[in-house]
Amino acid sequence: MKPTELAHYERLLKSLEEEIRTKGARRIEPNRNDDASAGADEDEQPLNEMLQSIASSRNRNMSLVLKRIARTLQKIRQTPEEFGLCEECEEDIEEGRLKAMPYAELCVDCQSKRDPRGGRQTRRNPFEFV
């Protein structure tokens, strides 16, 4: 990869890192504010639990992306010739994938082999949520 392309991806990664850090972690609100409100609304508790779960998952995902960005920036600085190569098959990662996810470590084929069910999300019945 050319030095100008590496510089472009480094700027892109730094911008993405700054954007994620600016947003910050999502505050996870307590399920109830006081004992008096417990049971006041039967629908409120499951909704709050769902929102807590979503916020927790979002925070965990943001943390993982930040780690991947830091790792990729380190790779660009220390071993620039390895940036853009799949860590498993050592083939080039497609340009479109790098534009969408400049911190991608694997090509689409290798990533789909790692994903559960070969990357396909299927349900056995309409009431099973993956």
N, C-alpha and C. Protein backbone atom coordinates (compact mmCIF):
# COMPACT_ATOMS: atom_id res chain seq x y z
N MET A 1 0.85 -1.17 0.00
CA MET A 1 0.00 0.00 0.00
C MET A 1 0.90 1.24 0.00
N LYS A 2 0.50 2.24 -0.74
CA LYS A 2 1.28 3.47 -0.87
C LYS A 2 1.24 4.27 0.43
N PRO A 3 2.29 5.04 0.69
CA PRO A 3 2.31 5.88 1.90
C PRO A 3 1.13 6.85 1.99
N THR A 4 0.68 7.37 0.85
CA THR A 4 -0.46 8.29 0.87
C THR A 4 -1.74 7.56 1.29
N GLU A 5 -1.89 6.30 0.85
CA GLU A 5 -3.06 5.51 1.25
C GLU A 5 -3.00 5.19 2.74
N LEU A 6 -1.82 4.83 3.23
CA LEU A 6 -1.65 4.56 4.66
C LEU A 6 -2.00 5.80 5.49
N ALA A 7 -1.54 6.97 5.04
CA ALA A 7 -1.84 8.21 5.75
C ALA A 7 -3.34 8.48 5.75
N HIS A 8 -4.00 8.18 4.63
CA HIS A 8 -5.45 8.35 4.55
C HIS A 8 -6.16 7.47 5.58
N TYR A 9 -5.77 6.20 5.64
CA TYR A 9 -6.40 5.28 6.58
C TYR A 9 -6.08 5.64 8.04
N GLU A 10 -4.88 6.15 8.26
CA GLU A 10 -4.52 6.57 9.62
C GLU A 10 -5.40 7.74 10.05
N ARG A 11 -5.61 8.71 9.16
CA ARG A 11 -6.50 9.84 9.47
C ARG A 11 -7.93 9.35 9.71
N LEU A 12 -8.37 8.42 8.87
CA LEU A 12 -9.72 7.87 9.01
C LEU A 12 -9.89 7.17 10.36
N LEU A 13 -8.90 6.38 10.75
CA LEU A 13 -8.95 5.68 12.04
C LEU A 13 -8.95 6.66 13.21
N LYS A 14 -8.11 7.68 13.14
CA LYS A 14 -8.06 8.67 14.22
C LYS A 14 -9.37 9.43 14.33
N SER A 15 -9.97 9.74 13.19
CA SER A 15 -11.25 10.44 13.18
C SER A 15 -12.34 9.56 13.79
N LEU A 16 -12.36 8.30 13.42
CA LEU A 16 -13.34 7.36 13.97
C LEU A 16 -13.14 7.19 15.47
N GLU A 17 -11.89 7.10 15.90
CA GLU A 17 -11.58 6.97 17.33
C GLU A 17 -12.09 8.20 18.10
N GLU A 18 -11.84 9.38 17.56
CA GLU A 18 -12.28 10.62 18.19
C GLU A 18 -13.81 10.68 18.26
N GLU A 19 -14.47 10.26 17.20
CA GLU A 19 -15.94 10.26 17.17
C GLU A 19 -16.50 9.35 18.26
N ILE A 20 -15.93 8.16 18.41
CA ILE A 20 -16.41 7.22 19.42
C ILE A 20 -16.15 7.76 20.82
N ARG A 21 -14.95 8.31 21.03
CA ARG A 21 -14.62 8.86 22.35
C ARG A 21 -15.49 10.06 22.70
N THR A 22 -15.85 10.87 21.70
CA THR A 22 -16.70 12.04 21.93
C THR A 22 -18.10 11.61 22.36
N LYS A 23 -18.61 10.56 21.74
CA LYS A 23 -19.94 10.06 22.12
C LYS A 23 -19.95 9.56 23.55
N GLY A 24 -18.85 8.92 23.94
CA GLY A 24 -18.75 8.40 25.30
C GLY A 24 -19.62 7.19 25.53
N ALA A 25 -19.46 6.62 26.70
CA ALA A 25 -20.24 5.44 27.08
C ALA A 25 -21.66 5.86 27.40
N ARG A 26 -22.58 5.00 27.06
CA ARG A 26 -24.00 5.25 27.34
C ARG A 26 -24.25 4.99 28.82
N ARG A 27 -24.88 5.94 29.47
CA ARG A 27 -25.20 5.78 30.89
C ARG A 27 -26.24 4.70 31.04
N ILE A 28 -25.99 3.81 31.99
CA ILE A 28 -26.95 2.74 32.27
C ILE A 28 -27.75 3.15 33.50
N GLU A 29 -29.01 3.49 33.25
CA GLU A 29 -29.88 3.97 34.32
C GLU A 29 -30.26 2.82 35.25
N PRO A 30 -30.44 3.13 36.56
CA PRO A 30 -30.88 2.07 37.48
C PRO A 30 -32.29 1.62 37.11
N ASN A 31 -32.59 0.39 37.46
CA ASN A 31 -33.89 -0.17 37.12
C ASN A 31 -35.02 0.56 37.83
N ARG A 32 -34.77 0.98 39.06
CA ARG A 32 -35.76 1.78 39.80
C ARG A 32 -35.02 2.90 40.52
N ASN A 33 -35.73 3.98 40.70
CA ASN A 33 -35.13 5.11 41.39
C ASN A 33 -35.36 5.04 42.90
N ASP A 34 -36.47 4.47 43.32
CA ASP A 34 -36.74 4.33 44.75
C ASP A 34 -37.68 3.15 44.97
N ASP A 35 -37.78 2.72 46.22
CA ASP A 35 -38.61 1.56 46.54
C ASP A 35 -40.08 1.85 46.34
N ALA A 36 -40.50 3.08 46.47
CA ALA A 36 -41.92 3.44 46.33
C ALA A 36 -42.40 3.21 44.90
N SER A 37 -41.52 3.36 43.93
CA SER A 37 -41.95 3.21 42.54
C SER A 37 -41.94 1.76 42.09
N ALA A 38 -41.42 0.86 42.91
CA ALA A 38 -41.40 -0.56 42.55
C ALA A 38 -42.83 -1.06 42.37
N GLY A 39 -43.13 -1.59 41.22
CA GLY A 39 -44.45 -2.12 40.95
C GLY A 39 -45.44 -1.07 40.50
N ALA A 40 -45.02 0.18 40.40
CA ALA A 40 -45.93 1.24 40.00
C ALA A 40 -46.41 1.01 38.56
N ASP A 41 -45.54 0.55 37.71
CA ASP A 41 -45.90 0.27 36.33
C ASP A 41 -45.24 -1.05 35.94
N GLU A 42 -46.07 -2.05 35.69
CA GLU A 42 -45.54 -3.39 35.38
C GLU A 42 -44.71 -3.40 34.11
N ASP A 43 -45.04 -2.54 33.17
CA ASP A 43 -44.32 -2.51 31.89
C ASP A 43 -43.00 -1.75 31.97
N GLU A 44 -42.84 -0.93 32.97
CA GLU A 44 -41.65 -0.09 33.05
C GLU A 44 -40.39 -0.91 33.36
N GLN A 45 -40.48 -1.87 34.25
CA GLN A 45 -39.29 -2.64 34.64
C GLN A 45 -38.71 -3.43 33.46
N PRO A 46 -39.50 -4.20 32.69
CA PRO A 46 -38.91 -4.91 31.55
C PRO A 46 -38.32 -3.96 30.51
N LEU A 47 -38.97 -2.83 30.31
CA LEU A 47 -38.45 -1.84 29.36
C LEU A 47 -37.10 -1.31 29.84
N ASN A 48 -37.01 -0.97 31.13
CA ASN A 48 -35.75 -0.48 31.68
C ASN A 48 -34.65 -1.54 31.58
N GLU A 49 -35.00 -2.80 31.85
CA GLU A 49 -34.01 -3.88 31.74
C GLU A 49 -33.52 -4.03 30.31
N MET A 50 -34.45 -3.90 29.34
CA MET A 50 -34.07 -3.99 27.94
C MET A 50 -33.14 -2.82 27.57
N LEU A 51 -33.46 -1.62 28.00
CA LEU A 51 -32.64 -0.45 27.71
C LEU A 51 -31.26 -0.58 28.37
N GLN A 52 -31.21 -1.14 29.57
CA GLN A 52 -29.92 -1.38 30.23
C GLN A 52 -29.08 -2.36 29.43
N SER A 53 -29.72 -3.41 28.95
CA SER A 53 -29.02 -4.42 28.16
C SER A 53 -28.48 -3.83 26.86
N ILE A 54 -29.28 -3.01 26.19
CA ILE A 54 -28.85 -2.37 24.95
C ILE A 54 -27.68 -1.43 25.21
N ALA A 55 -27.77 -0.62 26.27
CA ALA A 55 -26.69 0.31 26.60
C ALA A 55 -25.41 -0.44 26.96
N SER A 56 -25.54 -1.51 27.70
CA SER A 56 -24.38 -2.31 28.09
C SER A 56 -23.72 -2.93 26.87
N SER A 57 -24.52 -3.46 25.96
CA SER A 57 -24.01 -4.07 24.74
C SER A 57 -23.32 -3.02 23.86
N ARG A 58 -23.92 -1.86 23.75
CA ARG A 58 -23.34 -0.77 22.97
C ARG A 58 -21.99 -0.34 23.55
N ASN A 59 -21.93 -0.20 24.87
CA ASN A 59 -20.67 0.19 25.52
C ASN A 59 -19.58 -0.86 25.29
N ARG A 60 -19.95 -2.13 25.39
CA ARG A 60 -18.99 -3.21 25.18
C ARG A 60 -18.49 -3.20 23.73
N ASN A 61 -19.40 -3.02 22.78
CA ASN A 61 -19.01 -2.98 21.36
C ASN A 61 -18.11 -1.78 21.06
N MET A 62 -18.43 -0.62 21.62
CA MET A 62 -17.59 0.57 21.41
C MET A 62 -16.19 0.34 21.96
N SER A 63 -16.10 -0.30 23.10
CA SER A 63 -14.81 -0.59 23.71
C SER A 63 -13.98 -1.53 22.82
N LEU A 64 -14.65 -2.53 22.26
CA LEU A 64 -13.95 -3.47 21.37
C LEU A 64 -13.47 -2.77 20.10
N VAL A 65 -14.29 -1.90 19.54
CA VAL A 65 -13.90 -1.16 18.33
C VAL A 65 -12.70 -0.26 18.63
N LEU A 66 -12.71 0.41 19.80
CA LEU A 66 -11.58 1.27 20.16
C LEU A 66 -10.29 0.46 20.29
N LYS A 67 -10.38 -0.74 20.84
CA LYS A 67 -9.20 -1.60 20.95
C LYS A 67 -8.69 -2.01 19.57
N ARG A 68 -9.63 -2.33 18.66
CA ARG A 68 -9.24 -2.71 17.31
C ARG A 68 -8.61 -1.54 16.56
N ILE A 69 -9.15 -0.33 16.78
CA ILE A 69 -8.59 0.86 16.15
C ILE A 69 -7.17 1.10 16.65
N ALA A 70 -6.97 1.00 17.97
CA ALA A 70 -5.63 1.21 18.54
C ALA A 70 -4.64 0.18 17.99
N ARG A 71 -5.09 -1.05 17.89
CA ARG A 71 -4.23 -2.12 17.36
C ARG A 71 -3.86 -1.84 15.89
N THR A 72 -4.84 -1.37 15.11
CA THR A 72 -4.59 -1.07 13.69
C THR A 72 -3.67 0.12 13.52
N LEU A 73 -3.85 1.16 14.35
CA LEU A 73 -2.95 2.31 14.28
C LEU A 73 -1.52 1.90 14.62
N GLN A 74 -1.37 1.02 15.59
CA GLN A 74 -0.05 0.50 15.95
C GLN A 74 0.55 -0.28 14.77
N LYS A 75 -0.29 -1.06 14.10
CA LYS A 75 0.18 -1.83 12.94
C LYS A 75 0.66 -0.89 11.83
N ILE A 76 -0.09 0.17 11.57
CA ILE A 76 0.29 1.12 10.53
C ILE A 76 1.65 1.75 10.85
N ARG A 77 1.88 2.05 12.12
CA ARG A 77 3.15 2.68 12.52
C ARG A 77 4.32 1.70 12.54
N GLN A 78 4.08 0.47 13.03
CA GLN A 78 5.19 -0.47 13.22
C GLN A 78 5.45 -1.37 12.03
N THR A 79 4.37 -1.87 11.41
CA THR A 79 4.53 -2.78 10.27
C THR A 79 3.55 -2.38 9.17
N PRO A 80 3.80 -1.23 8.53
CA PRO A 80 2.85 -0.71 7.53
C PRO A 80 2.61 -1.66 6.36
N GLU A 81 3.58 -2.52 6.07
CA GLU A 81 3.41 -3.45 4.95
C GLU A 81 2.34 -4.51 5.25
N GLU A 82 1.96 -4.68 6.51
CA GLU A 82 0.95 -5.67 6.88
C GLU A 82 -0.47 -5.09 6.90
N PHE A 83 -0.58 -3.75 6.89
CA PHE A 83 -1.91 -3.16 6.92
C PHE A 83 -2.64 -3.48 5.62
N GLY A 84 -3.89 -3.90 5.75
CA GLY A 84 -4.70 -4.22 4.58
C GLY A 84 -4.60 -5.68 4.16
N LEU A 85 -3.80 -6.46 4.90
CA LEU A 85 -3.69 -7.89 4.61
C LEU A 85 -4.48 -8.67 5.65
N CYS A 86 -5.17 -9.69 5.19
CA CYS A 86 -5.93 -10.56 6.08
C CYS A 86 -4.95 -11.28 7.02
N GLU A 87 -5.26 -11.31 8.30
CA GLU A 87 -4.38 -11.93 9.27
C GLU A 87 -4.40 -13.46 9.21
N GLU A 88 -5.37 -14.03 8.49
CA GLU A 88 -5.41 -15.48 8.37
C GLU A 88 -4.83 -15.97 7.05
N CYS A 89 -5.38 -15.48 5.94
CA CYS A 89 -4.95 -15.98 4.63
C CYS A 89 -3.86 -15.11 3.99
N GLU A 90 -3.60 -13.95 4.58
CA GLU A 90 -2.59 -13.00 4.11
C GLU A 90 -2.87 -12.43 2.71
N GLU A 91 -4.11 -12.52 2.26
CA GLU A 91 -4.53 -11.90 1.01
C GLU A 91 -4.99 -10.48 1.32
N ASP A 92 -5.07 -9.64 0.27
CA ASP A 92 -5.54 -8.26 0.46
C ASP A 92 -6.99 -8.24 0.93
N ILE A 93 -7.27 -7.36 1.87
CA ILE A 93 -8.65 -7.10 2.29
C ILE A 93 -9.21 -6.13 1.26
N GLU A 94 -10.42 -6.38 0.78
CA GLU A 94 -11.00 -5.53 -0.26
C GLU A 94 -11.07 -4.08 0.19
N GLU A 95 -10.88 -3.18 -0.76
CA GLU A 95 -10.88 -1.75 -0.49
C GLU A 95 -12.20 -1.29 0.12
N GLY A 96 -13.31 -1.81 -0.37
CA GLY A 96 -14.62 -1.44 0.16
C GLY A 96 -14.76 -1.80 1.63
N ARG A 97 -14.23 -2.95 2.01
CA ARG A 97 -14.28 -3.38 3.42
C ARG A 97 -13.41 -2.46 4.27
N LEU A 98 -12.24 -2.10 3.78
CA LEU A 98 -11.36 -1.20 4.54
C LEU A 98 -11.96 0.19 4.66
N LYS A 99 -12.68 0.63 3.64
CA LYS A 99 -13.33 1.94 3.73
C LYS A 99 -14.42 1.93 4.78
N ALA A 100 -15.18 0.83 4.84
CA ALA A 100 -16.26 0.72 5.81
C ALA A 100 -15.74 0.44 7.21
N MET A 101 -14.70 -0.40 7.30
CA MET A 101 -14.12 -0.80 8.58
C MET A 101 -12.60 -0.76 8.46
N PRO A 102 -12.00 0.40 8.58
CA PRO A 102 -10.55 0.48 8.39
C PRO A 102 -9.75 -0.34 9.40
N TYR A 103 -10.41 -0.80 10.44
CA TYR A 103 -9.76 -1.63 11.46
C TYR A 103 -9.97 -3.12 11.22
N ALA A 104 -10.52 -3.47 10.05
CA ALA A 104 -10.77 -4.88 9.73
C ALA A 104 -9.46 -5.67 9.74
N GLU A 105 -9.51 -6.85 10.36
CA GLU A 105 -8.32 -7.70 10.46
C GLU A 105 -8.37 -8.87 9.49
N LEU A 106 -9.59 -9.18 9.04
CA LEU A 106 -9.80 -10.34 8.18
C LEU A 106 -10.53 -9.95 6.91
N CYS A 107 -10.29 -10.71 5.85
CA CYS A 107 -11.06 -10.52 4.62
C CYS A 107 -12.47 -11.09 4.85
N VAL A 108 -13.36 -10.84 3.93
CA VAL A 108 -14.75 -11.27 4.07
C VAL A 108 -14.84 -12.80 4.19
N ASP A 109 -14.09 -13.52 3.37
CA ASP A 109 -14.14 -14.99 3.41
C ASP A 109 -13.70 -15.54 4.76
N CYS A 110 -12.57 -15.07 5.26
CA CYS A 110 -12.07 -15.57 6.55
C CYS A 110 -12.98 -15.15 7.70
N GLN A 111 -13.54 -13.94 7.62
CA GLN A 111 -14.45 -13.49 8.67
C GLN A 111 -15.72 -14.34 8.68
N SER A 112 -16.23 -14.69 7.50
CA SER A 112 -17.45 -15.49 7.45
C SER A 112 -17.21 -16.90 7.99
N LYS A 113 -15.98 -17.40 7.87
CA LYS A 113 -15.66 -18.71 8.44
C LYS A 113 -15.62 -18.66 9.96
N ARG A 114 -15.24 -17.52 10.51
CA ARG A 114 -15.18 -17.36 11.97
C ARG A 114 -16.54 -17.13 12.59
N ASP A 115 -17.43 -16.48 11.86
CA ASP A 115 -18.75 -16.16 12.40
C ASP A 115 -19.56 -17.43 12.63
N PRO A 116 -20.41 -17.41 13.66
CA PRO A 116 -21.26 -18.57 13.89
C PRO A 116 -22.15 -18.83 12.67
N ARG A 117 -22.32 -20.09 12.36
CA ARG A 117 -23.16 -20.50 11.22
C ARG A 117 -22.64 -19.95 9.90
N GLY A 118 -21.35 -19.76 9.80
CA GLY A 118 -20.76 -19.28 8.55
C GLY A 118 -21.21 -17.89 8.17
N GLY A 119 -21.57 -17.06 9.17
CA GLY A 119 -21.97 -15.69 8.90
C GLY A 119 -23.47 -15.54 8.65
N ARG A 120 -24.18 -16.65 8.55
CA ARG A 120 -25.63 -16.58 8.30
C ARG A 120 -26.36 -16.60 9.63
N GLN A 121 -27.30 -15.71 9.77
CA GLN A 121 -28.15 -15.67 10.96
C GLN A 121 -29.51 -16.24 10.55
N THR A 122 -29.84 -17.38 11.06
CA THR A 122 -31.12 -17.98 10.71
C THR A 122 -31.86 -18.36 11.98
N ARG A 123 -33.18 -18.39 11.88
CA ARG A 123 -34.01 -18.79 13.01
C ARG A 123 -34.73 -20.08 12.63
N ARG A 124 -34.88 -20.95 13.61
CA ARG A 124 -35.60 -22.20 13.37
C ARG A 124 -37.10 -21.99 13.38
N ASN A 125 -37.56 -21.07 14.22
CA ASN A 125 -38.99 -20.77 14.25
C ASN A 125 -39.16 -19.27 14.47
N PRO A 126 -40.35 -18.74 14.21
CA PRO A 126 -40.54 -17.28 14.27
C PRO A 126 -40.39 -16.69 15.66
N PHE A 127 -40.37 -17.51 16.71
CA PHE A 127 -40.28 -17.00 18.07
C PHE A 127 -38.87 -17.09 18.65
N GLU A 128 -37.92 -17.56 17.86
CA GLU A 128 -36.53 -17.64 18.29
C GLU A 128 -35.81 -16.39 17.82
N PHE A 129 -35.26 -15.65 18.75
CA PHE A 129 -34.55 -14.42 18.40
C PHE A 129 -33.07 -14.63 18.64
N VAL A 130 -32.29 -14.39 17.60
CA VAL A 130 -30.84 -14.61 17.66
C VAL A 130 -30.18 -13.36 18.13
